[in-house]
Amino acid sequence: MASPTVRDSGLVLLEGSPQGLDAERVGTAMASPPGVVGVHDVHLWEVTSGFPALAAHVVVGREEDCHTRRLELARLVHDRFEIDHTTLQVDHERSRDLLQLG
């Protein structure tokens, strides 16, 4: 059985998900506030032991202030999951016309 130090170091080196954090659960929480249309490509890893990081792609409604939503989501993951380092790519929902062309 590996010591906690070896286990924790391995998670950091392999960029494994931090213990106790589930990417699906975090993504679901991030998708729940008003104005958020969807969240995908959620990645969790530890920068160093005990310092979790998050990267995700967020889609907000066309009329939403994407900068405000980004700040709110960063606060949400900090308060709920104790994640301080977040990189969130926030885009507006595309119109149906653009989806048919793209």
N, C-alpha and C. Protein backbone atom coordinates (compact mmCIF):
# COMPACT_ATOMS: atom_id res chain seq x y z
N MET A 1 0.86 -1.18 0.00
CA MET A 1 0.00 0.00 0.00
C MET A 1 0.90 1.24 0.00
N ALA A 2 0.59 2.16 -0.91
CA ALA A 2 1.40 3.38 -1.04
C ALA A 2 1.10 4.34 0.11
N SER A 3 2.12 5.07 0.50
CA SER A 3 1.93 6.07 1.55
C SER A 3 1.10 7.23 0.99
N PRO A 4 0.45 8.01 1.85
CA PRO A 4 -0.33 9.15 1.37
C PRO A 4 0.51 10.13 0.55
N THR A 5 1.76 10.30 0.90
CA THR A 5 2.62 11.22 0.16
C THR A 5 2.85 10.72 -1.26
N VAL A 6 3.12 9.44 -1.42
CA VAL A 6 3.34 8.86 -2.75
C VAL A 6 2.06 8.93 -3.56
N ARG A 7 0.93 8.59 -2.95
CA ARG A 7 -0.36 8.64 -3.63
C ARG A 7 -0.67 10.06 -4.09
N ASP A 8 -0.53 11.03 -3.20
CA ASP A 8 -0.82 12.42 -3.53
C ASP A 8 0.11 12.94 -4.62
N SER A 9 1.38 12.58 -4.54
CA SER A 9 2.35 13.01 -5.56
C SER A 9 1.99 12.41 -6.92
N GLY A 10 1.57 11.16 -6.92
CA GLY A 10 1.16 10.51 -8.16
C GLY A 10 -0.02 11.21 -8.81
N LEU A 11 -1.00 11.60 -7.99
CA LEU A 11 -2.17 12.33 -8.52
C LEU A 11 -1.76 13.65 -9.17
N VAL A 12 -0.83 14.35 -8.54
CA VAL A 12 -0.37 15.62 -9.08
C VAL A 12 0.36 15.39 -10.40
N LEU A 13 1.28 14.44 -10.42
CA LEU A 13 2.06 14.17 -11.63
C LEU A 13 1.20 13.68 -12.79
N LEU A 14 0.19 12.90 -12.48
CA LEU A 14 -0.70 12.36 -13.52
C LEU A 14 -1.88 13.28 -13.81
N GLU A 15 -1.92 14.41 -13.14
CA GLU A 15 -3.03 15.36 -13.26
C GLU A 15 -4.37 14.66 -13.02
N GLY A 16 -4.40 13.81 -12.00
CA GLY A 16 -5.61 13.11 -11.64
C GLY A 16 -6.59 14.01 -10.93
N SER A 17 -7.85 13.60 -10.94
CA SER A 17 -8.87 14.37 -10.23
C SER A 17 -8.58 14.33 -8.73
N PRO A 18 -8.71 15.46 -8.08
CA PRO A 18 -8.50 15.50 -6.63
C PRO A 18 -9.50 14.61 -5.90
N GLN A 19 -9.04 13.98 -4.84
CA GLN A 19 -9.93 13.13 -4.06
C GLN A 19 -11.10 13.96 -3.53
N GLY A 20 -12.30 13.38 -3.62
CA GLY A 20 -13.48 14.04 -3.09
C GLY A 20 -14.13 15.00 -4.07
N LEU A 21 -13.54 15.19 -5.25
CA LEU A 21 -14.15 16.07 -6.26
C LEU A 21 -14.53 15.25 -7.48
N ASP A 22 -15.75 15.41 -7.93
CA ASP A 22 -16.27 14.69 -9.08
C ASP A 22 -16.61 15.70 -10.17
N ALA A 23 -15.99 15.57 -11.33
CA ALA A 23 -16.19 16.54 -12.41
C ALA A 23 -17.66 16.65 -12.82
N GLU A 24 -18.37 15.54 -12.84
CA GLU A 24 -19.79 15.58 -13.22
C GLU A 24 -20.60 16.39 -12.20
N ARG A 25 -20.32 16.18 -10.94
CA ARG A 25 -21.04 16.91 -9.87
C ARG A 25 -20.73 18.41 -9.94
N VAL A 26 -19.46 18.76 -10.17
CA VAL A 26 -19.08 20.17 -10.29
C VAL A 26 -19.74 20.78 -11.52
N GLY A 27 -19.71 20.08 -12.65
CA GLY A 27 -20.33 20.59 -13.88
C GLY A 27 -21.83 20.79 -13.73
N THR A 28 -22.49 19.86 -13.06
CA THR A 28 -23.94 19.99 -12.83
C THR A 28 -24.24 21.22 -11.98
N ALA A 29 -23.45 21.45 -10.95
CA ALA A 29 -23.64 22.63 -10.10
C ALA A 29 -23.41 23.91 -10.90
N MET A 30 -22.40 23.91 -11.77
CA MET A 30 -22.12 25.09 -12.57
C MET A 30 -23.21 25.37 -13.60
N ALA A 31 -23.90 24.34 -14.06
CA ALA A 31 -24.94 24.50 -15.07
C ALA A 31 -26.28 24.93 -14.48
N SER A 32 -26.40 24.97 -13.16
CA SER A 32 -27.69 25.24 -12.53
C SER A 32 -28.09 26.71 -12.40
N PRO A 33 -27.17 27.68 -12.34
CA PRO A 33 -27.61 29.07 -12.17
C PRO A 33 -28.38 29.60 -13.39
N PRO A 34 -29.28 30.55 -13.17
CA PRO A 34 -29.99 31.16 -14.28
C PRO A 34 -29.00 31.80 -15.26
N GLY A 35 -29.32 31.69 -16.54
CA GLY A 35 -28.48 32.28 -17.56
C GLY A 35 -27.44 31.34 -18.14
N VAL A 36 -27.13 30.26 -17.42
CA VAL A 36 -26.17 29.28 -17.91
C VAL A 36 -26.93 28.23 -18.72
N VAL A 37 -26.56 28.09 -19.98
CA VAL A 37 -27.24 27.16 -20.89
C VAL A 37 -26.61 25.76 -20.79
N GLY A 38 -25.29 25.70 -20.60
CA GLY A 38 -24.63 24.41 -20.52
C GLY A 38 -23.19 24.54 -20.08
N VAL A 39 -22.65 23.43 -19.61
CA VAL A 39 -21.25 23.35 -19.19
C VAL A 39 -20.71 22.03 -19.73
N HIS A 40 -19.54 22.07 -20.35
CA HIS A 40 -18.93 20.83 -20.82
C HIS A 40 -17.42 20.95 -20.77
N ASP A 41 -16.75 19.87 -21.11
CA ASP A 41 -15.28 19.79 -21.06
C ASP A 41 -14.75 20.22 -19.68
N VAL A 42 -15.35 19.68 -18.64
CA VAL A 42 -14.95 19.99 -17.28
C VAL A 42 -13.74 19.13 -16.92
N HIS A 43 -12.65 19.78 -16.55
CA HIS A 43 -11.43 19.08 -16.17
C HIS A 43 -11.01 19.53 -14.78
N LEU A 44 -10.75 18.57 -13.92
CA LEU A 44 -10.27 18.83 -12.56
C LEU A 44 -8.92 18.15 -12.38
N TRP A 45 -7.99 18.85 -11.76
CA TRP A 45 -6.70 18.26 -11.43
C TRP A 45 -6.11 19.01 -10.26
N GLU A 46 -5.01 18.50 -9.74
CA GLU A 46 -4.33 19.18 -8.64
C GLU A 46 -3.03 19.78 -9.16
N VAL A 47 -2.87 21.07 -8.93
CA VAL A 47 -1.64 21.76 -9.30
C VAL A 47 -0.52 21.28 -8.39
N THR A 48 -0.80 21.28 -7.11
CA THR A 48 0.04 20.66 -6.08
C THR A 48 -0.92 19.99 -5.12
N SER A 49 -0.41 19.19 -4.24
CA SER A 49 -1.26 18.48 -3.31
C SER A 49 -2.11 19.47 -2.51
N GLY A 50 -3.43 19.27 -2.55
CA GLY A 50 -4.33 20.13 -1.80
C GLY A 50 -4.70 21.43 -2.50
N PHE A 51 -4.31 21.59 -3.77
CA PHE A 51 -4.61 22.82 -4.52
C PHE A 51 -5.29 22.43 -5.84
N PRO A 52 -6.62 22.19 -5.79
CA PRO A 52 -7.33 21.75 -6.99
C PRO A 52 -7.50 22.88 -8.00
N ALA A 53 -7.55 22.49 -9.27
CA ALA A 53 -7.75 23.44 -10.36
C ALA A 53 -8.89 22.93 -11.24
N LEU A 54 -9.55 23.87 -11.91
CA LEU A 54 -10.69 23.55 -12.76
C LEU A 54 -10.58 24.30 -14.07
N ALA A 55 -10.87 23.62 -15.16
CA ALA A 55 -11.03 24.26 -16.46
C ALA A 55 -12.33 23.74 -17.05
N ALA A 56 -13.11 24.63 -17.66
CA ALA A 56 -14.39 24.21 -18.23
C ALA A 56 -14.83 25.19 -19.30
N HIS A 57 -15.70 24.72 -20.16
CA HIS A 57 -16.33 25.55 -21.19
C HIS A 57 -17.78 25.76 -20.77
N VAL A 58 -18.18 27.02 -20.73
CA VAL A 58 -19.51 27.40 -20.27
C VAL A 58 -20.23 28.13 -21.41
N VAL A 59 -21.48 27.78 -21.61
CA VAL A 59 -22.31 28.47 -22.60
C VAL A 59 -23.42 29.20 -21.85
N VAL A 60 -23.55 30.51 -22.14
CA VAL A 60 -24.60 31.31 -21.52
C VAL A 60 -25.55 31.81 -22.59
N GLY A 61 -26.71 32.27 -22.16
CA GLY A 61 -27.69 32.80 -23.09
C GLY A 61 -27.16 33.99 -23.87
N ARG A 62 -27.73 34.23 -25.03
CA ARG A 62 -27.24 35.30 -25.91
C ARG A 62 -27.31 36.68 -25.27
N GLU A 63 -28.25 36.90 -24.37
CA GLU A 63 -28.42 38.21 -23.74
C GLU A 63 -27.68 38.34 -22.41
N GLU A 64 -27.01 37.29 -21.99
CA GLU A 64 -26.32 37.28 -20.70
C GLU A 64 -25.00 38.05 -20.76
N ASP A 65 -24.60 38.59 -19.62
CA ASP A 65 -23.29 39.22 -19.48
C ASP A 65 -22.30 38.10 -19.14
N CYS A 66 -21.52 37.69 -20.13
CA CYS A 66 -20.64 36.52 -19.94
C CYS A 66 -19.57 36.77 -18.87
N HIS A 67 -19.14 38.01 -18.71
CA HIS A 67 -18.12 38.31 -17.69
C HIS A 67 -18.69 38.17 -16.28
N THR A 68 -19.91 38.62 -16.10
CA THR A 68 -20.57 38.48 -14.80
C THR A 68 -20.81 37.01 -14.49
N ARG A 69 -21.29 36.24 -15.48
CA ARG A 69 -21.53 34.81 -15.26
C ARG A 69 -20.23 34.09 -14.90
N ARG A 70 -19.11 34.45 -15.55
CA ARG A 70 -17.82 33.82 -15.27
C ARG A 70 -17.42 34.06 -13.81
N LEU A 71 -17.56 35.31 -13.36
CA LEU A 71 -17.22 35.63 -11.97
C LEU A 71 -18.13 34.90 -10.99
N GLU A 72 -19.41 34.82 -11.30
CA GLU A 72 -20.35 34.11 -10.43
C GLU A 72 -20.02 32.62 -10.34
N LEU A 73 -19.65 32.03 -11.47
CA LEU A 73 -19.31 30.61 -11.47
C LEU A 73 -18.00 30.34 -10.74
N ALA A 74 -17.04 31.23 -10.89
CA ALA A 74 -15.78 31.08 -10.14
C ALA A 74 -16.05 31.15 -8.63
N ARG A 75 -16.94 32.04 -8.23
CA ARG A 75 -17.31 32.14 -6.81
C ARG A 75 -18.05 30.89 -6.36
N LEU A 76 -18.95 30.37 -7.21
CA LEU A 76 -19.71 29.16 -6.87
C LEU A 76 -18.77 27.98 -6.62
N VAL A 77 -17.80 27.73 -7.52
CA VAL A 77 -16.93 26.58 -7.33
C VAL A 77 -15.98 26.78 -6.16
N HIS A 78 -15.65 28.03 -5.87
CA HIS A 78 -14.84 28.30 -4.68
C HIS A 78 -15.63 28.00 -3.41
N ASP A 79 -16.83 28.56 -3.34
CA ASP A 79 -17.65 28.41 -2.13
C ASP A 79 -18.11 26.97 -1.91
N ARG A 80 -18.52 26.29 -2.98
CA ARG A 80 -19.09 24.96 -2.84
C ARG A 80 -18.06 23.84 -2.84
N PHE A 81 -16.98 24.03 -3.61
CA PHE A 81 -16.02 22.93 -3.79
C PHE A 81 -14.58 23.28 -3.37
N GLU A 82 -14.38 24.50 -2.88
CA GLU A 82 -13.06 24.97 -2.43
C GLU A 82 -12.01 24.90 -3.54
N ILE A 83 -12.44 25.27 -4.76
CA ILE A 83 -11.52 25.34 -5.90
C ILE A 83 -11.20 26.81 -6.13
N ASP A 84 -9.94 27.16 -5.96
CA ASP A 84 -9.52 28.56 -6.11
C ASP A 84 -8.99 28.89 -7.49
N HIS A 85 -8.47 27.91 -8.19
CA HIS A 85 -7.86 28.16 -9.51
C HIS A 85 -8.82 27.69 -10.59
N THR A 86 -9.45 28.63 -11.28
CA THR A 86 -10.41 28.28 -12.33
C THR A 86 -10.05 28.96 -13.64
N THR A 87 -10.20 28.22 -14.71
CA THR A 87 -10.08 28.77 -16.06
C THR A 87 -11.39 28.41 -16.75
N LEU A 88 -12.19 29.44 -17.01
CA LEU A 88 -13.51 29.22 -17.62
C LEU A 88 -13.57 29.94 -18.96
N GLN A 89 -13.85 29.18 -20.00
CA GLN A 89 -14.11 29.75 -21.32
C GLN A 89 -15.61 29.92 -21.41
N VAL A 90 -16.07 31.16 -21.53
CA VAL A 90 -17.50 31.44 -21.56
C VAL A 90 -17.87 31.99 -22.92
N ASP A 91 -18.83 31.34 -23.56
CA ASP A 91 -19.33 31.77 -24.87
C ASP A 91 -20.83 31.95 -24.80
N HIS A 92 -21.33 32.78 -25.70
CA HIS A 92 -22.78 32.96 -25.81
C HIS A 92 -23.37 31.85 -26.67
N GLU A 93 -24.58 31.50 -26.33
CA GLU A 93 -25.33 30.51 -27.10
C GLU A 93 -25.47 31.01 -28.53
N ARG A 94 -25.28 30.12 -29.47
CA ARG A 94 -25.41 30.49 -30.89
C ARG A 94 -26.87 30.45 -31.29
N SER A 95 -27.23 31.29 -32.22
CA SER A 95 -28.61 31.29 -32.72
C SER A 95 -28.83 30.04 -33.58
N ARG A 96 -30.07 29.68 -33.76
CA ARG A 96 -30.42 28.50 -34.57
C ARG A 96 -29.94 28.69 -36.01
N ASP A 97 -29.99 29.92 -36.51
CA ASP A 97 -29.55 30.18 -37.88
C ASP A 97 -28.06 29.87 -38.04
N LEU A 98 -27.25 30.26 -37.06
CA LEU A 98 -25.83 29.98 -37.12
C LEU A 98 -25.53 28.49 -36.99
N LEU A 99 -26.34 27.79 -36.19
CA LEU A 99 -26.13 26.36 -36.02
C LEU A 99 -26.37 25.63 -37.33
N GLN A 100 -27.34 26.08 -38.12
CA GLN A 100 -27.63 25.43 -39.39
C GLN A 100 -26.51 25.71 -40.42
N LEU A 101 -25.88 26.90 -40.33
CA LEU A 101 -24.81 27.23 -41.25
C LEU A 101 -23.50 26.56 -40.86
N GLY A 102 -23.28 26.44 -39.54
CA GLY A 102 -22.00 25.94 -39.04
C GLY A 102 -21.96 24.49 -39.07
